[in-house]
Amino acid sequence: MLELIRDTVFGHLLRYLSGGRLLSYAEDRDPSLWKRYVHDEKTMRMAHHGHTGDEQAVDQTDASQFPDGFPRDSSTTRRESNIQTNALGHLVDPENGSDTNVVHWYGDGDPENPINWSLLKKVLVTFEICLLTLSVYIGSAIYTPGIEGVVAYYNVSQVKATLGLTLFVAGYGLGPMLWAPLSEIPQIGRSPVYIGTLFVFVLLQVPVALATNFTMLLCFRFLTGFIGSPVLATGGASIGDMYTPRKRAY
């Protein structure tokens, strides 16, 4: 239960106000815990290449002759004296590499891994994502019964009045191009994007309802769709993080 509270906006606010003393994470209680779960292979690749993927060396023969993975070509020889060693003993290439430690889950049973969440928590989060998705989709179609009222109130044709629906759909089609990559940044994550955009999405209903002219109505309908779009693109990814491939289809 404490995990459910800690992962909410209220929980994060409580942790911030208490300086991490309340609803703390395991690394808050033991600051050195991360050192036991560093992903050695990915950290080594970061040190050598600046990313965690495989590096296709230009000359595999030369590179394989040296245990540290650095071929002794002329450019490497010139900067060899500048090679640094990080805290885990990996040689860091000052030109291409990065002194970054890649930390993995705290074991296979790490409770912070969504795969290991309890069934109750998985069902609750899945329900919230589905409800949020439904709300955004309803926000587009619920405009349709009021098209005749828009025609009469703003004195426009029915074709122009339909733009209120069209621009909302265009907004939630373009929005994920910004929100989806933003939610994948580790320092941000998905929850702040979900909650922040939902809050603005609700607020934008006010200027839509009180629009004094047709242009204002269309602008805010587009913005409403744009702001409400993150869950449409990343909701499936959030669900995919919680379930094994065999269960995702159901």
Protein backbone atom coordinates (compact mmCIF):
# COMPACT_ATOMS: atom_id res chain seq x y z
CA MET A 1 0.00 0.00 0.00
CA LEU A 2 2.83 2.40 0.82
CA GLU A 3 4.24 1.86 -2.68
CA LEU A 4 0.93 2.98 -4.20
CA ILE A 5 0.95 6.15 -2.13
CA ARG A 6 4.64 6.86 -2.75
CA ASP A 7 4.22 6.72 -6.54
CA THR A 8 1.39 9.27 -6.56
CA VAL A 9 1.79 13.03 -6.91
CA PHE A 10 0.90 13.34 -3.22
CA GLY A 11 3.59 10.79 -2.34
CA HIS A 12 6.29 12.59 -4.31
CA LEU A 13 5.28 15.89 -2.72
CA LEU A 14 5.42 14.32 0.74
CA ARG A 15 8.88 12.90 0.05
CA TYR A 16 10.08 16.29 -1.18
CA LEU A 17 8.77 18.16 1.86
CA SER A 18 10.25 15.61 4.25
CA GLY A 19 13.63 15.56 2.52
CA GLY A 20 13.21 11.90 1.58
CA ARG A 21 12.65 10.73 5.18
CA LEU A 22 9.04 9.70 4.53
CA LEU A 23 8.10 7.09 1.91
CA SER A 24 11.78 6.55 1.15
CA TYR A 25 13.26 4.28 -1.50
CA ALA A 26 15.84 1.59 -0.81
CA GLU A 27 18.66 3.78 -2.11
CA ASP A 28 17.59 6.54 0.27
CA ARG A 29 18.16 4.20 3.20
CA ASP A 30 21.41 2.78 1.80
CA PRO A 31 23.15 5.29 -0.55
CA SER A 32 25.76 2.70 -1.56
CA LEU A 33 23.17 0.14 -2.68
CA TRP A 34 23.48 1.04 -6.37
CA LYS A 35 27.13 -0.08 -6.48
CA ARG A 36 26.06 -3.71 -6.05
CA TYR A 37 23.77 -3.59 -9.08
CA VAL A 38 25.83 -1.78 -11.71
CA HIS A 39 25.42 -3.36 -15.15
CA ASP A 40 29.09 -4.08 -15.82
CA GLU A 41 28.84 -4.71 -19.57
CA LYS A 42 26.79 -1.62 -20.39
CA THR A 43 28.91 0.56 -18.11
CA MET A 44 32.04 -0.63 -19.95
CA ARG A 45 30.48 0.24 -23.29
CA MET A 46 29.60 3.70 -22.01
CA ALA A 47 33.21 4.17 -20.90
CA HIS A 48 34.58 3.15 -24.30
CA HIS A 49 31.97 4.38 -26.78
CA GLY A 50 29.57 6.76 -24.99
CA HIS A 51 26.56 4.47 -25.49
CA THR A 52 25.40 1.04 -24.34
CA GLY A 53 25.16 -0.59 -27.79
CA ASP A 54 27.72 -2.68 -29.61
CA GLU A 55 30.51 -0.79 -31.30
CA GLN A 56 31.67 -1.93 -34.71
CA ALA A 57 35.41 -1.31 -34.62
CA VAL A 58 37.13 -0.28 -37.81
CA ASP A 59 39.95 -2.73 -37.30
CA GLN A 60 38.81 -5.71 -35.26
CA THR A 61 42.22 -7.37 -35.52
CA ASP A 62 44.06 -4.50 -33.91
CA ALA A 63 41.40 -4.01 -31.22
CA SER A 64 41.38 -7.68 -30.24
CA GLN A 65 45.10 -7.63 -29.49
CA PHE A 66 44.58 -5.42 -26.47
CA PRO A 67 42.56 -6.46 -23.40
CA ASP A 68 41.26 -2.97 -22.70
CA GLY A 69 39.59 -2.81 -26.12
CA PHE A 70 41.55 0.23 -27.43
CA PRO A 71 43.42 -0.38 -30.72
CA ARG A 72 46.89 1.14 -30.73
CA ASP A 73 46.54 3.33 -33.79
CA SER A 74 48.25 6.71 -34.02
CA SER A 75 45.29 8.70 -32.67
CA THR A 76 44.88 6.36 -29.71
CA THR A 77 48.59 6.53 -28.94
CA ARG A 78 48.49 10.32 -28.86
CA ARG A 79 45.70 10.41 -26.28
CA GLU A 80 46.71 7.25 -24.36
CA SER A 81 48.15 9.31 -21.54
CA ASN A 82 44.76 10.98 -21.06
CA ILE A 83 42.82 7.73 -20.60
CA GLN A 84 41.00 7.83 -17.27
CA THR A 85 39.73 5.10 -14.98
CA ASN A 86 36.27 5.31 -13.44
CA ALA A 87 35.20 4.11 -10.00
CA LEU A 88 34.60 0.57 -11.28
CA GLY A 89 38.00 0.27 -12.94
CA HIS A 90 36.84 0.74 -16.53
CA LEU A 91 39.06 2.73 -18.85
CA VAL A 92 37.19 5.83 -20.03
CA ASP A 93 37.96 7.15 -23.51
CA PRO A 94 38.09 10.95 -23.05
CA GLU A 95 37.04 11.59 -26.66
CA ASN A 96 34.33 9.02 -27.30
CA GLY A 97 33.38 7.57 -23.94
CA SER A 98 31.43 8.67 -20.92
CA ASP A 99 32.13 8.20 -17.21
CA THR A 100 28.63 6.91 -16.51
CA ASN A 101 27.53 3.96 -14.40
CA VAL A 102 24.53 2.05 -15.76
CA VAL A 103 22.57 0.64 -12.82
CA HIS A 104 20.28 -2.36 -13.33
CA TRP A 105 17.29 -3.48 -11.24
CA TYR A 106 18.05 -4.42 -7.64
CA GLY A 107 17.89 -8.12 -8.42
CA ASP A 108 15.24 -10.18 -10.23
CA GLY A 109 12.73 -9.58 -7.45
CA ASP A 110 13.10 -5.79 -7.30
CA PRO A 111 9.64 -4.50 -6.27
CA GLU A 112 10.21 -1.31 -8.28
CA ASN A 113 10.29 -3.34 -11.51
CA PRO A 114 6.73 -3.12 -12.93
CA ILE A 115 6.90 -6.80 -13.87
CA ASN A 116 7.11 -7.59 -10.14
CA TRP A 117 4.22 -5.39 -9.05
CA SER A 118 1.32 -7.04 -7.25
CA LEU A 119 -1.74 -7.98 -9.31
CA LEU A 120 -3.78 -5.30 -7.50
CA LYS A 121 -1.32 -2.56 -8.45
CA LYS A 122 -1.12 -3.75 -12.06
CA VAL A 123 -4.92 -3.81 -12.38
CA LEU A 124 -5.23 -0.37 -10.79
CA VAL A 125 -2.61 1.23 -13.06
CA THR A 126 -4.07 -0.48 -16.14
CA PHE A 127 -7.53 0.82 -15.23
CA GLU A 128 -6.19 4.37 -14.80
CA ILE A 129 -4.45 4.29 -18.19
CA CYS A 130 -7.57 2.94 -19.91
CA LEU A 131 -9.78 5.52 -18.20
CA LEU A 132 -7.44 8.36 -19.22
CA THR A 133 -7.35 7.08 -22.80
CA LEU A 134 -11.15 6.87 -22.88
CA SER A 135 -11.45 10.41 -21.52
CA VAL A 136 -9.26 11.88 -24.26
CA TYR A 137 -11.06 9.99 -27.03
CA ILE A 138 -14.43 11.07 -25.63
CA GLY A 139 -13.14 14.65 -25.65
CA SER A 140 -12.90 14.49 -29.43
CA ALA A 141 -16.24 12.85 -30.26
CA ILE A 142 -18.35 14.58 -27.60
CA TYR A 143 -18.08 17.77 -29.65
CA THR A 144 -20.10 16.24 -32.50
CA PRO A 145 -23.64 16.56 -31.01
CA GLY A 146 -22.99 20.27 -30.46
CA ILE A 147 -22.01 21.10 -34.05
CA GLU A 148 -25.48 22.50 -34.81
CA GLY A 149 -25.17 24.73 -31.76
CA VAL A 150 -21.75 25.97 -32.96
CA VAL A 151 -23.29 26.77 -36.37
CA ALA A 152 -26.04 28.84 -34.77
CA TYR A 153 -23.95 30.55 -32.07
CA TYR A 154 -20.96 31.56 -34.20
CA ASN A 155 -22.89 31.95 -37.48
CA VAL A 156 -20.60 29.63 -39.47
CA SER A 157 -21.27 26.84 -41.93
CA GLN A 158 -21.49 23.22 -40.84
CA VAL A 159 -18.25 22.44 -42.66
CA LYS A 160 -16.41 25.10 -40.66
CA ALA A 161 -18.04 23.96 -37.44
CA THR A 162 -16.67 20.45 -38.04
CA LEU A 163 -13.16 21.91 -37.71
CA GLY A 164 -13.61 21.74 -33.94
CA LEU A 165 -13.53 17.96 -34.23
CA THR A 166 -10.86 17.85 -36.94
CA LEU A 167 -8.40 20.09 -35.10
CA PHE A 168 -8.79 18.13 -31.86
CA VAL A 169 -7.87 14.94 -33.73
CA ALA A 170 -4.97 16.72 -35.43
CA GLY A 171 -3.78 17.86 -31.99
CA TYR A 172 -3.70 14.40 -30.45
CA GLY A 173 -2.05 13.11 -33.62
CA LEU A 174 0.81 15.64 -33.38
CA GLY A 175 1.15 15.77 -29.59
CA PRO A 176 2.93 12.41 -29.13
CA MET A 177 5.79 13.69 -31.26
CA LEU A 178 6.68 15.88 -28.26
CA TRP A 179 5.26 14.05 -25.25
CA ALA A 180 6.30 10.48 -26.09
CA PRO A 181 10.08 11.20 -26.32
CA LEU A 182 9.81 13.48 -23.29
CA SER A 183 8.30 10.70 -21.19
CA GLU A 184 11.23 8.40 -22.02
CA ILE A 185 13.80 10.71 -20.40
CA PRO A 186 14.78 8.98 -17.13
CA GLN A 187 14.86 12.25 -15.17
CA ILE A 188 11.23 12.92 -16.16
CA GLY A 189 9.48 9.60 -16.66
CA ARG A 190 5.90 8.94 -17.69
CA SER A 191 3.93 9.85 -14.58
CA PRO A 192 4.81 13.59 -14.57
CA VAL A 193 3.88 13.77 -18.26
CA TYR A 194 0.59 11.93 -17.68
CA ILE A 195 -0.41 13.96 -14.62
CA GLY A 196 0.86 17.34 -15.83
CA THR A 197 -0.84 17.17 -19.21
CA LEU A 198 -4.05 15.82 -17.66
CA PHE A 199 -4.20 18.83 -15.33
CA VAL A 200 -3.76 21.26 -18.24
CA PHE A 201 -6.20 19.22 -20.36
CA VAL A 202 -8.92 19.74 -17.75
CA LEU A 203 -8.15 23.46 -17.40
CA LEU A 204 -8.38 23.97 -21.18
CA GLN A 205 -12.02 22.88 -21.14
CA VAL A 206 -12.85 26.25 -19.55
CA PRO A 207 -11.72 28.49 -22.46
CA VAL A 208 -13.28 26.02 -24.89
CA ALA A 209 -16.63 26.38 -23.15
CA LEU A 210 -16.32 30.17 -22.81
CA ALA A 211 -14.88 30.91 -26.27
CA THR A 212 -16.10 34.33 -27.40
CA ASN A 213 -15.48 33.74 -31.10
CA PHE A 214 -15.04 30.86 -33.51
CA THR A 215 -11.27 31.31 -33.90
CA MET A 216 -10.78 31.08 -30.15
CA LEU A 217 -12.85 27.89 -30.05
CA LEU A 218 -10.76 26.24 -32.78
CA CYS A 219 -7.42 27.24 -31.22
CA PHE A 220 -8.31 25.80 -27.84
CA ARG A 221 -9.80 22.64 -29.33
CA PHE A 222 -6.47 22.01 -31.05
CA LEU A 223 -4.50 22.74 -27.87
CA THR A 224 -6.79 20.47 -25.86
CA GLY A 225 -6.14 17.56 -28.21
CA PHE A 226 -2.41 18.30 -28.28
CA ILE A 227 -2.10 18.44 -24.49
CA GLY A 228 -4.27 15.37 -23.88
CA SER A 229 -2.41 13.11 -26.29
CA PRO A 230 0.45 11.50 -24.26
CA VAL A 231 -1.52 8.52 -22.99
CA LEU A 232 -2.67 7.67 -26.53
CA ALA A 233 0.93 7.06 -27.58
CA THR A 234 2.64 5.82 -24.42
CA GLY A 235 -0.23 4.12 -22.59
CA GLY A 236 0.51 0.90 -24.43
CA ALA A 237 4.17 1.17 -23.49
CA SER A 238 3.26 1.61 -19.82
CA ILE A 239 1.08 -1.50 -19.95
CA GLY A 240 3.83 -3.37 -21.79
CA ASP A 241 6.22 -2.62 -18.93
CA MET A 242 3.93 -4.36 -16.44
CA TYR A 243 3.11 -7.59 -18.24
CA THR A 244 5.08 -10.36 -19.89
CA PRO A 245 4.75 -10.67 -23.71
CA ARG A 246 2.42 -13.65 -23.32
CA LYS A 247 -0.07 -11.63 -21.24
CA ARG A 248 0.06 -8.29 -23.08
CA ALA A 249 -2.47 -9.33 -25.72
CA TYR A 250 -5.12 -10.02 -23.07
